């Protein structure tokens, strides 16, 4: 699960970096978000200040959303690991530069 992930077609202008148990969130307000996202690194000053802890064990992702809220979802992968399908709440993320949609 580690790496840079966006929504298919980057429809929400949001990227997440999952690295070493922390999920970082980045936003882009522009037309070439992928190029911008390629310059970002986990823990740099470009992410929003709130960093979320996560675990990925036995194909289940658990993200601590703070204040007693959690995202807990089984994940299946497609496209040689370039697409992650979240069972609940029913959306997908694609690995940046994977070529998957």
Protein backbone atom coordinates (compact mmCIF):
# COMPACT_ATOMS: atom_id res chain seq x y z
CA UNK A 1 0.00 0.00 0.00
CA UNK A 2 2.97 2.29 0.39
CA UNK A 3 3.37 4.92 -2.30
CA UNK A 4 1.60 7.84 -3.94
CA UNK A 5 -2.11 7.35 -4.72
CA UNK A 6 -4.73 9.49 -6.47
CA UNK A 7 -8.34 9.04 -7.54
CA UNK A 8 -8.89 7.64 -11.06
CA UNK A 9 -8.62 10.47 -13.53
CA UNK A 10 -7.49 12.60 -10.57
CA UNK A 11 -11.13 13.68 -10.35
CA UNK A 12 -10.75 15.09 -6.85
CA UNK A 13 -7.31 16.76 -7.15
CA UNK A 14 -6.16 14.85 -4.09
CA UNK A 15 -3.11 12.66 -3.56
CA UNK A 16 -2.24 10.49 -0.60
CA UNK A 17 1.23 9.25 0.26
CA UNK A 18 1.23 6.13 2.41
CA UNK A 19 4.65 5.70 3.98
CA UNK A 20 5.96 4.10 7.18
CA UNK A 21 2.54 3.96 8.85
CA UNK A 22 1.56 7.56 8.09
CA UNK A 23 -0.87 8.82 5.44
CA UNK A 24 -0.08 12.30 4.13
CA UNK A 25 -2.69 14.27 2.15
CA UNK A 26 -1.88 16.68 -0.69
CA UNK A 27 -4.14 18.90 -2.78
CA UNK A 28 -3.58 20.45 -6.19
CA UNK A 29 -5.31 23.45 -7.73
CA UNK A 30 -4.08 23.34 -11.28
CA UNK A 31 -4.21 21.52 -14.55
CA UNK A 32 -1.07 19.34 -14.28
CA UNK A 33 -1.42 17.82 -10.83
CA UNK A 34 0.53 14.63 -11.63
CA UNK A 35 3.69 16.64 -12.42
CA UNK A 36 3.30 18.56 -9.18
CA UNK A 37 2.61 15.39 -7.18
CA UNK A 38 5.80 13.79 -8.52
CA UNK A 39 7.81 16.51 -6.72
CA UNK A 40 6.20 15.92 -3.32
CA UNK A 41 7.82 13.67 -0.72
CA UNK A 42 6.31 12.17 2.43
CA UNK A 43 6.65 14.57 5.34
CA UNK A 44 7.49 17.65 3.28
CA UNK A 45 5.77 20.97 3.96
CA UNK A 46 3.37 20.58 1.00
CA UNK A 47 1.00 18.19 2.77
CA UNK A 48 -1.87 19.35 4.95
CA UNK A 49 -0.77 19.49 8.59
CA UNK A 50 -2.96 16.60 9.76
CA UNK A 51 -1.13 13.30 9.24
CA UNK A 52 -3.02 10.08 9.85
CA UNK A 53 -1.67 6.77 11.14
CA UNK A 54 -2.45 3.62 9.18
CA UNK A 55 -1.80 -0.10 9.10
CA UNK A 56 -2.16 -2.52 6.22
CA UNK A 57 -2.39 -6.12 7.42
CA UNK A 58 -3.80 -9.14 5.56
CA UNK A 59 -5.27 -6.98 2.76
CA UNK A 60 -7.11 -4.73 5.24
CA UNK A 61 -6.34 -1.03 5.48
CA UNK A 62 -7.03 0.74 8.77
CA UNK A 63 -6.63 4.54 8.85
CA UNK A 64 -7.06 6.40 12.14
CA UNK A 65 -9.14 9.44 11.11
CA UNK A 66 -8.85 10.84 14.66
CA UNK A 67 -11.47 11.53 17.30
CA UNK A 68 -12.53 7.87 17.42
CA UNK A 69 -13.19 7.60 13.67
CA UNK A 70 -11.51 4.98 11.51
CA UNK A 71 -11.53 3.88 7.92
CA UNK A 72 -11.34 0.08 7.95
CA UNK A 73 -11.63 -1.62 4.57
CA UNK A 74 -10.48 -4.71 2.76
CA UNK A 75 -8.56 -3.82 -0.40
CA UNK A 76 -8.18 -5.75 -3.63
CA UNK A 77 -5.56 -4.81 -6.18
CA UNK A 78 -5.73 -4.75 -9.98
CA UNK A 79 -3.44 -3.65 -12.79
CA UNK A 80 -0.29 -5.26 -11.30
CA UNK A 81 -0.85 -3.45 -7.99
CA UNK A 82 -1.46 -0.08 -9.63
CA UNK A 83 -5.12 0.13 -8.64
CA UNK A 84 -6.47 -0.35 -5.10
CA UNK A 85 -10.20 -1.08 -4.75
CA UNK A 86 -11.60 -0.12 -1.35
CA UNK A 87 -14.45 -2.50 -0.51
CA UNK A 88 -15.97 -0.02 1.94
CA UNK A 89 -16.81 2.79 1.10
CA UNK A 90 -16.61 1.55 -2.49
CA UNK A 91 -14.07 3.65 -4.36
CA UNK A 92 -10.65 3.12 -5.91
CA UNK A 93 -7.27 4.80 -5.87
CA UNK A 94 -4.60 4.48 -8.54
CA UNK A 95 -0.87 4.53 -7.94
CA UNK A 96 0.70 7.69 -9.36
CA UNK A 97 2.40 7.01 -12.71
CA UNK A 98 1.04 3.44 -12.89
CA UNK A 99 -0.96 4.07 -16.07
CA UNK A 100 -4.01 2.42 -14.46
CA UNK A 101 -7.45 4.02 -14.52
